[in-house]
């Protein structure tokens, strides 16, 4: 009898692991509600002002974070601002992302001031791999798609090149 209970318990445990290991859409949406997106550092903002954040999970696009920054406190995209932004992503997504399917994309759409914009997209698995030091910063950036003011950035190692500028990335999580 004990052996049968042990076998049933073992089978149940093995079958329940994949369910726990990766969240489905319902669990992801619920998890996103509990994350503090106000911890994100918005590039070019000197202080935390009023801005609107809209977060949804939509298959197959992934997690969409739309940030509409007011016009009063924006000072332009800089190397320091981009590094601070990338560093702050872990403050929002760090805890518990290993349960997310690694191919889910995180999509940031940010309106900066009255004329600038920033789009950053990457698979959430790349964020986790970078944090766990399985990949380098350059390998993480290679998996990112970055657009600044409508122009797609070229990523060469740790450098983001766009609009005739180069932004050296040295962020950490």
Protein backbone atom coordinates (compact mmCIF):
# COMPACT_ATOMS: atom_id res chain seq x y z
CA UNK A 1 0.00 0.00 0.00
CA UNK A 2 2.76 2.43 0.98
CA UNK A 3 4.54 1.68 -2.30
CA UNK A 4 1.41 2.54 -4.35
CA UNK A 5 0.99 5.85 -2.50
CA UNK A 6 4.65 6.64 -3.06
CA UNK A 7 4.41 5.85 -6.79
CA UNK A 8 1.24 7.95 -7.22
CA UNK A 9 2.84 10.83 -5.31
CA UNK A 10 5.99 10.60 -7.44
CA UNK A 11 3.99 10.55 -10.69
CA UNK A 12 1.87 13.51 -9.55
CA UNK A 13 4.98 15.46 -8.60
CA UNK A 14 6.67 14.78 -11.94
CA UNK A 15 3.56 15.75 -13.90
CA UNK A 16 3.09 18.98 -11.95
CA UNK A 17 6.66 20.25 -12.47
CA UNK A 18 6.18 21.52 -16.07
CA UNK A 19 3.01 23.34 -15.02
CA UNK A 20 4.86 25.13 -12.24
CA UNK A 21 8.02 25.69 -14.26
CA UNK A 22 6.39 27.86 -16.89
CA UNK A 23 3.50 30.22 -16.49
CA UNK A 24 0.62 30.44 -18.91
CA UNK A 25 -1.06 33.68 -20.05
CA UNK A 26 -3.39 33.90 -17.04
CA UNK A 27 -0.52 33.50 -14.55
CA UNK A 28 1.71 35.94 -16.45
CA UNK A 29 -1.01 38.62 -16.46
CA UNK A 30 -1.57 38.17 -12.74
CA UNK A 31 2.17 38.29 -12.07
CA UNK A 32 2.55 41.51 -14.07
CA UNK A 33 -0.08 43.19 -11.88
CA UNK A 34 2.21 42.74 -8.88
CA UNK A 35 5.36 44.19 -10.43
CA UNK A 36 6.48 47.73 -9.66
CA UNK A 37 7.00 49.33 -13.06
CA UNK A 38 7.54 52.73 -11.43
CA UNK A 39 11.01 51.46 -10.48
CA UNK A 40 12.07 51.77 -14.13
CA UNK A 41 14.53 54.58 -14.77
CA UNK A 42 13.37 56.39 -17.89
CA UNK A 43 16.27 57.62 -20.08
CA UNK A 44 16.67 61.39 -20.05
CA UNK A 45 14.54 62.00 -16.95
CA UNK A 46 16.35 63.76 -14.11
CA UNK A 47 13.69 63.07 -11.46
CA UNK A 48 10.67 60.84 -11.13
CA UNK A 49 7.82 62.91 -12.51
CA UNK A 50 4.31 62.02 -13.52
CA UNK A 51 4.05 59.58 -16.36
CA UNK A 52 1.63 56.93 -17.52
CA UNK A 53 2.55 53.25 -17.71
CA UNK A 54 0.39 50.69 -19.49
CA UNK A 55 1.37 47.00 -19.20
CA UNK A 56 -0.29 44.05 -20.94
CA UNK A 57 0.58 40.54 -22.01
CA UNK A 58 -0.61 39.79 -25.53
CA UNK A 59 0.23 36.57 -27.35
CA UNK A 60 2.34 36.24 -29.48
CA UNK A 61 3.90 39.72 -29.06
CA UNK A 62 4.66 39.21 -25.35
CA UNK A 63 4.79 41.72 -22.52
CA UNK A 64 4.10 45.22 -23.77
CA UNK A 65 5.09 48.15 -21.57
CA UNK A 66 4.02 51.51 -22.94
CA UNK A 67 5.31 54.58 -21.12
CA UNK A 68 4.06 58.04 -21.96
CA UNK A 69 6.38 60.54 -20.35
CA UNK A 70 5.17 64.06 -19.82
CA UNK A 71 7.07 66.88 -21.43
CA UNK A 72 8.27 68.77 -18.37
CA UNK A 73 11.26 66.77 -17.14
CA UNK A 74 12.84 65.20 -20.21
CA UNK A 75 16.43 66.17 -21.10
CA UNK A 76 17.33 63.85 -24.00
CA UNK A 77 18.73 60.36 -24.47
CA UNK A 78 22.27 59.93 -23.16
CA UNK A 79 24.65 57.04 -22.56
CA UNK A 80 24.07 57.41 -18.82
CA UNK A 81 20.30 57.42 -19.27
CA UNK A 82 20.32 54.25 -21.39
CA UNK A 83 22.64 52.49 -18.93
CA UNK A 84 20.37 53.45 -16.02
CA UNK A 85 17.33 52.21 -17.95
CA UNK A 86 18.88 48.81 -18.67
CA UNK A 87 20.11 48.52 -15.06
CA UNK A 88 16.62 49.23 -13.72
CA UNK A 89 14.92 46.50 -15.78
CA UNK A 90 16.13 43.87 -13.31
CA UNK A 91 14.48 45.78 -10.41
CA UNK A 92 11.13 45.18 -12.10
CA UNK A 93 11.56 41.74 -13.66
CA UNK A 94 14.22 40.05 -11.54
CA UNK A 95 12.22 38.10 -9.02
CA UNK A 96 10.40 35.06 -10.41
CA UNK A 97 11.08 35.44 -14.13
CA UNK A 98 12.56 31.96 -14.30
CA UNK A 99 8.94 30.72 -14.34
CA UNK A 100 8.21 32.69 -17.52
CA UNK A 101 8.72 30.86 -20.83
CA UNK A 102 12.18 32.12 -21.93
CA UNK A 103 10.99 33.04 -25.44
CA UNK A 104 8.43 35.61 -24.24
CA UNK A 105 9.44 39.03 -25.51
CA UNK A 106 9.52 42.12 -23.32
CA UNK A 107 8.59 45.17 -25.43
CA UNK A 108 9.19 48.69 -24.12
CA UNK A 109 7.54 51.52 -26.07
CA UNK A 110 8.52 54.83 -24.51
CA UNK A 111 7.47 58.33 -25.57
CA UNK A 112 10.17 60.77 -24.47
CA UNK A 113 9.41 64.45 -24.46
CA UNK A 114 7.52 65.92 -27.36
CA UNK A 115 9.63 64.43 -30.17
CA UNK A 116 11.75 61.47 -29.00
CA UNK A 117 10.90 57.81 -28.61
CA UNK A 118 12.61 54.62 -27.53
CA UNK A 119 11.69 51.02 -28.33
CA UNK A 120 13.55 48.14 -26.70
CA UNK A 121 12.55 44.51 -27.28
CA UNK A 122 14.23 41.34 -26.02
CA UNK A 123 13.35 37.76 -24.98
CA UNK A 124 12.93 37.46 -21.22
CA UNK A 125 15.23 34.42 -21.23
CA UNK A 126 18.11 36.65 -22.38
CA UNK A 127 17.57 38.90 -19.36
CA UNK A 128 17.74 35.90 -17.02
CA UNK A 129 20.81 34.49 -18.79
CA UNK A 130 22.61 37.83 -18.49
CA UNK A 131 21.77 38.12 -14.81
CA UNK A 132 22.97 34.57 -14.14
CA UNK A 133 26.14 35.41 -16.12
CA UNK A 134 25.45 32.70 -18.70
CA UNK A 135 25.85 35.33 -21.43
CA UNK A 136 27.81 38.58 -21.64
CA UNK A 137 26.37 42.07 -21.90
CA UNK A 138 27.30 42.09 -25.59
CA UNK A 139 25.43 38.81 -26.13
CA UNK A 140 22.41 40.21 -24.28
CA UNK A 141 22.44 43.38 -26.38
CA UNK A 142 22.73 41.30 -29.56
CA UNK A 143 19.35 39.77 -28.64
CA UNK A 144 17.79 43.23 -28.22
CA UNK A 145 16.07 45.20 -30.92
CA UNK A 146 16.46 48.90 -30.19
CA UNK A 147 14.90 51.85 -32.00
CA UNK A 148 15.58 55.48 -31.09
CA UNK A 149 13.44 58.13 -32.74
CA UNK A 150 12.30 55.68 -35.39
CA UNK A 151 15.79 54.57 -36.41
CA UNK A 152 16.89 51.01 -35.77
CA UNK A 153 20.09 50.84 -33.74
CA UNK A 154 23.11 48.84 -34.80
CA UNK A 155 24.64 46.93 -31.93
CA UNK A 156 28.36 46.23 -32.04
CA UNK A 157 29.56 44.51 -28.88
CA UNK A 158 28.69 46.81 -25.97
CA UNK A 159 28.00 49.83 -28.19
CA UNK A 160 24.61 50.99 -29.49
CA UNK A 161 24.97 53.04 -32.67
CA UNK A 162 22.05 55.15 -33.87
CA UNK A 163 21.41 58.63 -35.23
CA UNK A 164 25.13 59.18 -35.79
CA UNK A 165 25.81 58.66 -32.07
CA UNK A 166 27.43 55.86 -30.11
CA UNK A 167 26.23 54.83 -26.67
CA UNK A 168 28.71 52.66 -24.74
CA UNK A 169 26.78 50.29 -22.48
CA UNK A 170 28.27 49.30 -19.13
CA UNK A 171 25.13 48.48 -17.13
CA UNK A 172 24.89 45.67 -14.60
CA UNK A 173 22.01 44.03 -12.79
